[in-house]
Amino acid sequence: MEMPTGTIKKLVADRGFGFIAAEDGKEFFFHRSGTEGDFDSLQGGEKVSFEIEASPKGPRAKSVRTL
């Protein structure tokens, strides 16, 4: 199965999280612990791929990696 892709819409680096605008129009929260690679090197507008997992606050992105 192909992983969803999107663009980093907002990054709150000092708090360790951000939001991804998926290509299907949905928005997903992600935490620095859900990134593969260096969270601190991510930038807004960057294209990423990710997986979706359930969380207490709704679906969120995990295994976030740049394309």
C-alpha atoms as a PDB file:
ATOM      1  CA  MET A   1       0.000   0.000   0.000  1.00  0.00           C
ATOM      2  CA  GLU A   2       1.253   3.436  -0.895  1.00  0.00           C
ATOM      3  CA  MET A   3       1.845   5.855   1.953  1.00  0.00           C
ATOM      4  CA  PRO A   4      -0.066   9.140   1.938  1.00  0.00           C
ATOM      5  CA  THR A   5       1.861  12.274   1.070  1.00  0.00           C
ATOM      6  CA  GLY A   6       1.396  15.918   1.901  1.00  0.00           C
ATOM      7  CA  THR A   7       3.067  19.182   2.767  1.00  0.00           C
ATOM      8  CA  ILE A   8       4.125  20.475   6.158  1.00  0.00           C
ATOM      9  CA  LYS A   9       1.565  23.216   6.736  1.00  0.00           C
ATOM     10  CA  LYS A  10       2.745  24.449  10.130  1.00  0.00           C
ATOM     11  CA  LEU A  11       5.730  23.622  12.291  1.00  0.00           C
ATOM     12  CA  VAL A  12       5.998  24.569  15.976  1.00  0.00           C
ATOM     13  CA  ALA A  13       9.639  23.592  16.381  1.00  0.00           C
ATOM     14  CA  ASP A  14      10.106  24.864  19.931  1.00  0.00           C
ATOM     15  CA  ARG A  15       7.184  22.684  21.105  1.00  0.00           C
ATOM     16  CA  GLY A  16       8.089  19.670  18.952  1.00  0.00           C
ATOM     17  CA  PHE A  17       5.037  19.261  16.732  1.00  0.00           C
ATOM     18  CA  GLY A  18       3.452  20.310  13.481  1.00  0.00           C
ATOM     19  CA  PHE A  19       0.635  19.764  11.019  1.00  0.00           C
ATOM     20  CA  ILE A  20       0.623  18.138   7.591  1.00  0.00           C
ATOM     21  CA  ALA A  21      -1.817  19.112   4.833  1.00  0.00           C
ATOM     22  CA  ALA A  22      -2.427  15.803   3.051  1.00  0.00           C
ATOM     23  CA  GLU A  23      -3.035  15.712  -0.678  1.00  0.00           C
ATOM     24  CA  ASP A  24      -6.626  14.550  -0.043  1.00  0.00           C
ATOM     25  CA  GLY A  25      -7.323  17.814   1.836  1.00  0.00           C
ATOM     26  CA  LYS A  26      -7.236  16.366   5.360  1.00  0.00           C
ATOM     27  CA  GLU A  27      -4.936  17.770   8.022  1.00  0.00           C
ATOM     28  CA  PHE A  28      -2.878  15.642  10.408  1.00  0.00           C
ATOM     29  CA  PHE A  29      -1.045  16.487  13.618  1.00  0.00           C
ATOM     30  CA  PHE A  30       2.425  14.999  14.105  1.00  0.00           C
ATOM     31  CA  HIS A  31       4.869  14.974  17.004  1.00  0.00           C
ATOM     32  CA  ARG A  32       8.655  15.000  16.808  1.00  0.00           C
ATOM     33  CA  SER A  33       8.644  11.401  18.144  1.00  0.00           C
ATOM     34  CA  GLY A  34       6.710  10.407  14.997  1.00  0.00           C
ATOM     35  CA  THR A  35       9.353  11.624  12.550  1.00  0.00           C
ATOM     36  CA  GLU A  36      12.017   9.544  10.857  1.00  0.00           C
ATOM     37  CA  GLY A  37      15.200  11.536  10.648  1.00  0.00           C
ATOM     38  CA  ASP A  38      15.956  14.890  12.201  1.00  0.00           C
ATOM     39  CA  PHE A  39      12.829  16.770  13.323  1.00  0.00           C
ATOM     40  CA  ASP A  40      14.837  19.990  13.622  1.00  0.00           C
ATOM     41  CA  SER A  41      15.710  19.907   9.899  1.00  0.00           C
ATOM     42  CA  LEU A  42      12.043  19.930   8.792  1.00  0.00           C
ATOM     43  CA  GLN A  43      10.669  23.114   7.244  1.00  0.00           C
ATOM     44  CA  GLY A  44       7.235  24.449   6.428  1.00  0.00           C
ATOM     45  CA  GLY A  45       6.216  23.722   2.827  1.00  0.00           C
ATOM     46  CA  GLU A  46       8.331  20.571   2.668  1.00  0.00           C
ATOM     47  CA  LYS A  47       6.827  17.501   0.955  1.00  0.00           C
ATOM     48  CA  VAL A  48       6.583  14.450   3.214  1.00  0.00           C
ATOM     49  CA  SER A  49       5.197  10.930   3.294  1.00  0.00           C
ATOM     50  CA  PHE A  50       3.646   9.481   6.427  1.00  0.00           C
ATOM     51  CA  GLU A  51       1.490   6.791   7.980  1.00  0.00           C
ATOM     52  CA  ILE A  52      -1.738   7.422   9.883  1.00  0.00           C
ATOM     53  CA  GLU A  53      -2.410   6.085  13.377  1.00  0.00           C
ATOM     54  CA  ALA A  54      -5.282   6.479  15.814  1.00  0.00           C
ATOM     55  CA  SER A  55      -4.747   8.631  18.889  1.00  0.00           C
ATOM     56  CA  PRO A  56      -7.009   9.798  21.735  1.00  0.00           C
ATOM     57  CA  LYS A  57      -7.463  13.124  19.909  1.00  0.00           C
ATOM     58  CA  GLY A  58      -8.107  11.609  16.468  1.00  0.00           C
ATOM     59  CA  PRO A  59      -5.940  10.412  13.582  1.00  0.00           C
ATOM     60  CA  ARG A  60      -2.339  11.627  13.562  1.00  0.00           C
ATOM     61  CA  ALA A  61       0.683  11.184  11.327  1.00  0.00           C
ATOM     62  CA  LYS A  62       3.606   8.938  12.239  1.00  0.00           C
ATOM     63  CA  SER A  63       6.696   7.736  10.355  1.00  0.00           C
ATOM     64  CA  VAL A  64       6.928  11.219   8.814  1.00  0.00           C
ATOM     65  CA  ARG A  65       9.781  11.484   6.317  1.00  0.00           C
ATOM     66  CA  THR A  66      10.779  13.987   3.675  1.00  0.00           C
ATOM     67  CA  LEU A  67      10.410  13.112  -0.001  1.00  0.00           C
END
